[in-house]
Amino acid sequence: MQESGGMQEEYIFLEEHYVLKIRKSGEGVEGEVLMRDFTSPGHAAHLFAAPRQETPEALEAWAQQALRAYREG
């Protein structure tokens, strides 16, 4: 995990255009799903927040399911 302003952050690539940004939150983790901007490396657009889960794996599974629902409309 990377330190960012005293918080640890980790990035998990969900698919080619989407990434999950994870932050430690109390006893678990929370984060946000971002859409990568290939025209501006290092930049991404916030799609939605990912609620606190107990483990990074559970958060990733939630994000994958939410991303499928987002694309399906």
PDB file of N, CA and C in Angstrom:
ATOM      1  N   MET A   1       0.837  -1.180   0.000  1.00  0.00           N
ATOM      2  CA  MET A   1       0.000   0.000   0.000  1.00  0.00           C
ATOM      3  C   MET A   1       0.878   1.237   0.000  1.00  0.00           C
ATOM      4  N   GLN A   2       0.393   2.302  -0.626  1.00  0.00           N
ATOM      5  CA  GLN A   2       1.113   3.565  -0.672  1.00  0.00           C
ATOM      6  C   GLN A   2       0.594   4.485   0.421  1.00  0.00           C
ATOM      7  N   GLU A   3       1.487   5.318   0.987  1.00  0.00           N
ATOM      8  CA  GLU A   3       1.079   6.312   1.968  1.00  0.00           C
ATOM      9  C   GLU A   3       0.621   7.557   1.230  1.00  0.00           C
ATOM     10  N   SER A   4      -0.516   8.106   1.613  1.00  0.00           N
ATOM     11  CA  SER A   4      -1.042   9.323   1.009  1.00  0.00           C
ATOM     12  C   SER A   4      -1.659  10.164   2.113  1.00  0.00           C
ATOM     13  N   GLY A   5      -0.935  11.197   2.545  1.00  0.00           N
ATOM     14  CA  GLY A   5      -1.457  12.045   3.606  1.00  0.00           C
ATOM     15  C   GLY A   5      -1.722  11.282   4.888  1.00  0.00           C
ATOM     16  N   GLY A   6      -0.868  10.302   5.211  1.00  0.00           N
ATOM     17  CA  GLY A   6      -1.036   9.522   6.422  1.00  0.00           C
ATOM     18  C   GLY A   6      -1.955   8.324   6.265  1.00  0.00           C
ATOM     19  N   MET A   7      -2.621   8.192   5.119  1.00  0.00           N
ATOM     20  CA  MET A   7      -3.504   7.045   4.870  1.00  0.00           C
ATOM     21  C   MET A   7      -2.820   6.088   3.912  1.00  0.00           C
ATOM     22  N   GLN A   8      -3.023   4.821   4.124  1.00  0.00           N
ATOM     23  CA  GLN A   8      -2.495   3.829   3.198  1.00  0.00           C
ATOM     24  C   GLN A   8      -3.495   3.620   2.079  1.00  0.00           C
ATOM     25  N   GLU A   9      -2.985   3.608   0.839  1.00  0.00           N
ATOM     26  CA  GLU A   9      -3.835   3.384  -0.327  1.00  0.00           C
ATOM     27  C   GLU A   9      -3.239   2.294  -1.189  1.00  0.00           C
ATOM     28  N   GLU A  10      -4.107   1.549  -1.836  1.00  0.00           N
ATOM     29  CA  GLU A  10      -3.694   0.493  -2.757  1.00  0.00           C
ATOM     30  C   GLU A  10      -4.609   0.577  -3.965  1.00  0.00           C
ATOM     31  N   TYR A  11      -4.073   0.234  -5.128  1.00  0.00           N
ATOM     32  CA  TYR A  11      -4.861   0.238  -6.357  1.00  0.00           C
ATOM     33  C   TYR A  11      -4.929  -1.182  -6.901  1.00  0.00           C
ATOM     34  N   ILE A  12      -6.136  -1.612  -7.250  1.00  0.00           N
ATOM     35  CA  ILE A  12      -6.343  -2.926  -7.852  1.00  0.00           C
ATOM     36  C   ILE A  12      -7.005  -2.710  -9.203  1.00  0.00           C
ATOM     37  N   PHE A  13      -6.381  -3.221 -10.256  1.00  0.00           N
ATOM     38  CA  PHE A  13      -6.954  -3.089 -11.589  1.00  0.00           C
ATOM     39  C   PHE A  13      -8.101  -4.079 -11.732  1.00  0.00           C
ATOM     40  N   LEU A  14      -9.281  -3.557 -12.038  1.00  0.00           N
ATOM     41  CA  LEU A  14     -10.469  -4.392 -12.204  1.00  0.00           C
ATOM     42  C   LEU A  14     -10.583  -4.872 -13.640  1.00  0.00           C
ATOM     43  N   GLU A  15     -10.396  -3.958 -14.562  1.00  0.00           N
ATOM     44  CA  GLU A  15     -10.434  -4.226 -15.999  1.00  0.00           C
ATOM     45  C   GLU A  15      -9.535  -3.193 -16.656  1.00  0.00           C
ATOM     46  N   GLU A  16      -9.406  -3.250 -17.966  1.00  0.00           N
ATOM     47  CA  GLU A  16      -8.496  -2.345 -18.671  1.00  0.00           C
ATOM     48  C   GLU A  16      -8.735  -0.874 -18.326  1.00  0.00           C
ATOM     49  N   HIS A  17      -9.983  -0.452 -18.240  1.00  0.00           N
ATOM     50  CA  HIS A  17     -10.296   0.964 -18.036  1.00  0.00           C
ATOM     51  C   HIS A  17     -10.689   1.323 -16.606  1.00  0.00           C
ATOM     52  N   TYR A  18     -10.756   0.342 -15.724  1.00  0.00           N
ATOM     53  CA  TYR A  18     -11.268   0.594 -14.375  1.00  0.00           C
ATOM     54  C   TYR A  18     -10.293   0.111 -13.306  1.00  0.00           C
ATOM     55  N   VAL A  19     -10.234   0.888 -12.218  1.00  0.00           N
ATOM     56  CA  VAL A  19      -9.345   0.560 -11.113  1.00  0.00           C
ATOM     57  C   VAL A  19     -10.088   0.804  -9.798  1.00  0.00           C
ATOM     58  N   LEU A  20      -9.758   0.019  -8.792  1.00  0.00           N
ATOM     59  CA  LEU A  20     -10.329   0.175  -7.455  1.00  0.00           C
ATOM     60  C   LEU A  20      -9.253   0.765  -6.556  1.00  0.00           C
ATOM     61  N   LYS A  21      -9.542   1.907  -5.974  1.00  0.00           N
ATOM     62  CA  LYS A  21      -8.627   2.553  -5.029  1.00  0.00           C
ATOM     63  C   LYS A  21      -9.101   2.173  -3.629  1.00  0.00           C
ATOM     64  N   ILE A  22      -8.232   1.534  -2.860  1.00  0.00           N
ATOM     65  CA  ILE A  22      -8.580   1.008  -1.535  1.00  0.00           C
ATOM     66  C   ILE A  22      -7.875   1.812  -0.443  1.00  0.00           C
ATOM     67  N   ARG A  23      -8.627   2.095   0.628  1.00  0.00           N
ATOM     68  CA  ARG A  23      -8.084   2.757   1.815  1.00  0.00           C
ATOM     69  C   ARG A  23      -8.471   1.949   3.050  1.00  0.00           C
ATOM     70  N   LYS A  24      -7.573   1.889   4.012  1.00  0.00           N
ATOM     71  CA  LYS A  24      -7.884   1.234   5.290  1.00  0.00           C
ATOM     72  C   LYS A  24      -8.919   2.083   6.014  1.00  0.00           C
ATOM     73  N   SER A  25      -9.904   1.418   6.607  1.00  0.00           N
ATOM     74  CA  SER A  25     -10.981   2.118   7.314  1.00  0.00           C
ATOM     75  C   SER A  25     -11.335   1.338   8.573  1.00  0.00           C
ATOM     76  N   GLY A  26     -10.855   1.793   9.700  1.00  0.00           N
ATOM     77  CA  GLY A  26     -11.126   1.085  10.953  1.00  0.00           C
ATOM     78  C   GLY A  26     -10.622  -0.338  10.884  1.00  0.00           C
ATOM     79  N   GLU A  27     -11.519  -1.289  11.046  1.00  0.00           N
ATOM     80  CA  GLU A  27     -11.162  -2.704  11.010  1.00  0.00           C
ATOM     81  C   GLU A  27     -11.224  -3.297   9.611  1.00  0.00           C
ATOM     82  N   GLY A  28     -11.605  -2.497   8.619  1.00  0.00           N
ATOM     83  CA  GLY A  28     -11.742  -3.024   7.262  1.00  0.00           C
ATOM     84  C   GLY A  28     -11.107  -2.108   6.229  1.00  0.00           C
ATOM     85  N   VAL A  29     -11.685  -2.134   5.041  1.00  0.00           N
ATOM     86  CA  VAL A  29     -11.214  -1.294   3.939  1.00  0.00           C
ATOM     87  C   VAL A  29     -12.424  -0.714   3.214  1.00  0.00           C
ATOM     88  N   GLU A  30     -12.224   0.442   2.601  1.00  0.00           N
ATOM     89  CA  GLU A  30     -13.233   1.065   1.762  1.00  0.00           C
ATOM     90  C   GLU A  30     -12.512   1.663   0.572  1.00  0.00           C
ATOM     91  N   GLY A  31     -13.248   2.190  -0.381  1.00  0.00           N
ATOM     92  CA  GLY A  31     -12.558   2.756  -1.521  1.00  0.00           C
ATOM     93  C   GLY A  31     -13.483   3.390  -2.521  1.00  0.00           C
ATOM     94  N   GLU A  32     -12.979   3.463  -3.752  1.00  0.00           N
ATOM     95  CA  GLU A  32     -13.762   4.032  -4.839  1.00  0.00           C
ATOM     96  C   GLU A  32     -13.343   3.390  -6.150  1.00  0.00           C
ATOM     97  N   VAL A  33     -14.307   3.286  -7.056  1.00  0.00           N
ATOM     98  CA  VAL A  33     -14.044   2.753  -8.386  1.00  0.00           C
ATOM     99  C   VAL A  33     -13.783   3.943  -9.299  1.00  0.00           C
ATOM    100  N   LEU A  34     -12.684   3.871 -10.030  1.00  0.00           N
ATOM    101  CA  LEU A  34     -12.262   4.952 -10.916  1.00  0.00           C
ATOM    102  C   LEU A  34     -12.174   4.459 -12.348  1.00  0.00           C
ATOM    103  N   MET A  35     -12.454   5.346 -13.304  1.00  0.00           N
ATOM    104  CA  MET A  35     -12.252   5.044 -14.717  1.00  0.00           C
ATOM    105  C   MET A  35     -10.972   5.756 -15.140  1.00  0.00           C
ATOM    106  N   ARG A  36     -10.009   4.990 -15.615  1.00  0.00           N
ATOM    107  CA  ARG A  36      -8.705   5.535 -16.002  1.00  0.00           C
ATOM    108  C   ARG A  36      -8.835   6.459 -17.206  1.00  0.00           C
ATOM    109  N   ASP A  37      -8.008   7.500 -17.237  1.00  0.00           N
ATOM    110  CA  ASP A  37      -7.962   8.448 -18.350  1.00  0.00           C
ATOM    111  C   ASP A  37      -6.659   8.208 -19.098  1.00  0.00           C
ATOM    112  N   PHE A  38      -6.751   7.535 -20.244  1.00  0.00           N
ATOM    113  CA  PHE A  38      -5.547   7.183 -20.993  1.00  0.00           C
ATOM    114  C   PHE A  38      -4.928   8.374 -21.704  1.00  0.00           C
ATOM    115  N   THR A  39      -5.665   9.492 -21.831  1.00  0.00           N
ATOM    116  CA  THR A  39      -5.101  10.688 -22.464  1.00  0.00           C
ATOM    117  C   THR A  39      -4.266  11.491 -21.472  1.00  0.00           C
ATOM    118  N   SER A  40      -4.475  11.269 -20.170  1.00  0.00           N
ATOM    119  CA  SER A  40      -3.722  11.949 -19.117  1.00  0.00           C
ATOM    120  C   SER A  40      -3.256  10.908 -18.107  1.00  0.00           C
ATOM    121  N   PRO A  41      -2.112  10.274 -18.352  1.00  0.00           N
ATOM    122  CA  PRO A  41      -1.623   9.233 -17.440  1.00  0.00           C
ATOM    123  C   PRO A  41      -1.595   9.709 -15.984  1.00  0.00           C
ATOM    124  N   GLY A  42      -2.048   8.839 -15.102  1.00  0.00           N
ATOM    125  CA  GLY A  42      -2.096   9.169 -13.683  1.00  0.00           C
ATOM    126  C   GLY A  42      -3.407   9.803 -13.242  1.00  0.00           C
ATOM    127  N   HIS A  43      -4.287  10.096 -14.187  1.00  0.00           N
ATOM    128  CA  HIS A  43      -5.577  10.697 -13.866  1.00  0.00           C
ATOM    129  C   HIS A  43      -6.698   9.684 -14.068  1.00  0.00           C
ATOM    130  N   ALA A  44      -7.771   9.876 -13.311  1.00  0.00           N
ATOM    131  CA  ALA A  44      -8.926   8.981 -13.414  1.00  0.00           C
ATOM    132  C   ALA A  44     -10.171   9.729 -12.962  1.00  0.00           C
ATOM    133  N   ALA A  45     -11.319   9.280 -13.454  1.00  0.00           N
ATOM    134  CA  ALA A  45     -12.602   9.873 -13.071  1.00  0.00           C
ATOM    135  C   ALA A  45     -13.283   8.987 -12.027  1.00  0.00           C
ATOM    136  N   HIS A  46     -13.789   9.610 -10.981  1.00  0.00           N
ATOM    137  CA  HIS A  46     -14.518   8.891  -9.931  1.00  0.00           C
ATOM    138  C   HIS A  46     -15.851   8.406 -10.490  1.00  0.00           C
ATOM    139  N   LEU A  47     -16.137   7.107 -10.355  1.00  0.00           N
ATOM    140  CA  LEU A  47     -17.434   6.565 -10.773  1.00  0.00           C
ATOM    141  C   LEU A  47     -18.361   6.410  -9.574  1.00  0.00           C
ATOM    142  N   PHE A  48     -17.892   5.711  -8.529  1.00  0.00           N
ATOM    143  CA  PHE A  48     -18.710   5.558  -7.335  1.00  0.00           C
ATOM    144  C   PHE A  48     -17.866   5.083  -6.162  1.00  0.00           C
ATOM    145  N   ALA A  49     -18.379   5.342  -4.967  1.00  0.00           N
ATOM    146  CA  ALA A  49     -17.711   4.918  -3.736  1.00  0.00           C
ATOM    147  C   ALA A  49     -17.995   3.442  -3.486  1.00  0.00           C
ATOM    148  N   ALA A  50     -17.030   2.772  -2.894  1.00  0.00           N
ATOM    149  CA  ALA A  50     -17.169   1.364  -2.524  1.00  0.00           C
ATOM    150  C   ALA A  50     -17.253   1.304  -0.997  1.00  0.00           C
ATOM    151  N   PRO A  51     -18.349   0.772  -0.447  1.00  0.00           N
ATOM    152  CA  PRO A  51     -18.543   0.768   1.008  1.00  0.00           C
ATOM    153  C   PRO A  51     -17.564  -0.151   1.735  1.00  0.00           C
ATOM    154  N   ARG A  52     -17.399   0.118   3.014  1.00  0.00           N
ATOM    155  CA  ARG A  52     -16.450  -0.641   3.834  1.00  0.00           C
ATOM    156  C   ARG A  52     -16.769  -2.131   3.810  1.00  0.00           C
ATOM    157  N   GLN A  53     -15.709  -2.906   3.632  1.00  0.00           N
ATOM    158  CA  GLN A  53     -15.776  -4.368   3.685  1.00  0.00           C
ATOM    159  C   GLN A  53     -14.680  -4.831   4.642  1.00  0.00           C
ATOM    160  N   GLU A  54     -14.731  -6.081   5.044  1.00  0.00           N
ATOM    161  CA  GLU A  54     -13.751  -6.592   6.008  1.00  0.00           C
ATOM    162  C   GLU A  54     -12.374  -6.810   5.402  1.00  0.00           C
ATOM    163  N   THR A  55     -12.318  -7.198   4.111  1.00  0.00           N
ATOM    164  CA  THR A  55     -11.034  -7.506   3.478  1.00  0.00           C
ATOM    165  C   THR A  55     -10.939  -6.846   2.109  1.00  0.00           C
ATOM    166  N   PRO A  56      -9.708  -6.653   1.610  1.00  0.00           N
ATOM    167  CA  PRO A  56      -9.548  -6.136   0.246  1.00  0.00           C
ATOM    168  C   PRO A  56     -10.199  -7.049  -0.797  1.00  0.00           C
ATOM    169  N   GLU A  57     -10.156  -8.354  -0.560  1.00  0.00           N
ATOM    170  CA  GLU A  57     -10.756  -9.303  -1.501  1.00  0.00           C
ATOM    171  C   GLU A  57     -12.276  -9.128  -1.566  1.00  0.00           C
ATOM    172  N   ALA A  58     -12.902  -8.914  -0.414  1.00  0.00           N
ATOM    173  CA  ALA A  58     -14.354  -8.690  -0.379  1.00  0.00           C
ATOM    174  C   ALA A  58     -14.708  -7.375  -1.066  1.00  0.00           C
ATOM    175  N   LEU A  59     -13.882  -6.356  -0.869  1.00  0.00           N
ATOM    176  CA  LEU A  59     -14.119  -5.066  -1.518  1.00  0.00           C
ATOM    177  C   LEU A  59     -13.960  -5.189  -3.028  1.00  0.00           C
ATOM    178  N   GLU A  60     -12.955  -5.929  -3.469  1.00  0.00           N
ATOM    179  CA  GLU A  60     -12.757  -6.143  -4.906  1.00  0.00           C
ATOM    180  C   GLU A  60     -13.946  -6.891  -5.510  1.00  0.00           C
ATOM    181  N   ALA A  61     -14.448  -7.906  -4.818  1.00  0.00           N
ATOM    182  CA  ALA A  61     -15.608  -8.656  -5.316  1.00  0.00           C
ATOM    183  C   ALA A  61     -16.828  -7.743  -5.416  1.00  0.00           C
ATOM    184  N   TRP A  62     -17.036  -6.891  -4.412  1.00  0.00           N
ATOM    185  CA  TRP A  62     -18.151  -5.945  -4.449  1.00  0.00           C
ATOM    186  C   TRP A  62     -17.994  -5.001  -5.638  1.00  0.00           C
ATOM    187  N   ALA A  63     -16.780  -4.487  -5.844  1.00  0.00           N
ATOM    188  CA  ALA A  63     -16.525  -3.542  -6.936  1.00  0.00           C
ATOM    189  C   ALA A  63     -16.744  -4.190  -8.302  1.00  0.00           C
ATOM    190  N   GLN A  64     -16.331  -5.439  -8.455  1.00  0.00           N
ATOM    191  CA  GLN A  64     -16.544  -6.146  -9.728  1.00  0.00           C
ATOM    192  C   GLN A  64     -18.037  -6.266 -10.021  1.00  0.00           C
ATOM    193  N   GLN A  65     -18.821  -6.635  -9.013  1.00  0.00           N
ATOM    194  CA  GLN A  65     -20.263  -6.776  -9.189  1.00  0.00           C
ATOM    195  C   GLN A  65     -20.904  -5.417  -9.478  1.00  0.00           C
ATOM    196  N   ALA A  66     -20.500  -4.378  -8.766  1.00  0.00           N
ATOM    197  CA  ALA A  66     -21.045  -3.037  -8.987  1.00  0.00           C
ATOM    198  C   ALA A  66     -20.686  -2.519 -10.376  1.00  0.00           C
ATOM    199  N   LEU A  67     -19.488  -2.814 -10.835  1.00  0.00           N
ATOM    200  CA  LEU A  67     -19.059  -2.379 -12.163  1.00  0.00           C
ATOM    201  C   LEU A  67     -19.888  -3.066 -13.248  1.00  0.00           C
ATOM    202  N   ARG A  68     -20.174  -4.349 -13.077  1.00  0.00           N
ATOM    203  CA  ARG A  68     -21.045  -5.056 -14.034  1.00  0.00           C
ATOM    204  C   ARG A  68     -22.425  -4.404 -14.081  1.00  0.00           C
ATOM    205  N   ALA A  69     -22.988  -4.097 -12.925  1.00  0.00           N
ATOM    206  CA  ALA A  69     -24.308  -3.458 -12.862  1.00  0.00           C
ATOM    207  C   ALA A  69     -24.264  -2.066 -13.493  1.00  0.00           C
ATOM    208  N   TYR A  70     -23.190  -1.336 -13.270  1.00  0.00           N
ATOM    209  CA  TYR A  70     -23.021   0.006 -13.849  1.00  0.00           C
ATOM    210  C   TYR A  70     -23.031  -0.059 -15.375  1.00  0.00           C
ATOM    211  N   ARG A  71     -22.303  -1.008 -15.935  1.00  0.00           N
ATOM    212  CA  ARG A  71     -22.223  -1.139 -17.401  1.00  0.00           C
ATOM    213  C   ARG A  71     -23.543  -1.622 -17.998  1.00  0.00           C
ATOM    214  N   GLU A  72     -24.261  -2.468 -17.276  1.00  0.00           N
ATOM    215  CA  GLU A  72     -25.524  -3.003 -17.784  1.00  0.00           C
ATOM    216  C   GLU A  72     -26.664  -1.993 -17.683  1.00  0.00           C
ATOM    217  N   GLY A  73     -26.451  -0.932 -16.902  1.00  0.00           N
ATOM    218  CA  GLY A  73     -27.445   0.140 -16.787  1.00  0.00           C
ATOM    219  C   GLY A  73     -28.491  -0.197 -15.827  1.00  0.00           C
TER     220      GLY A  73
END
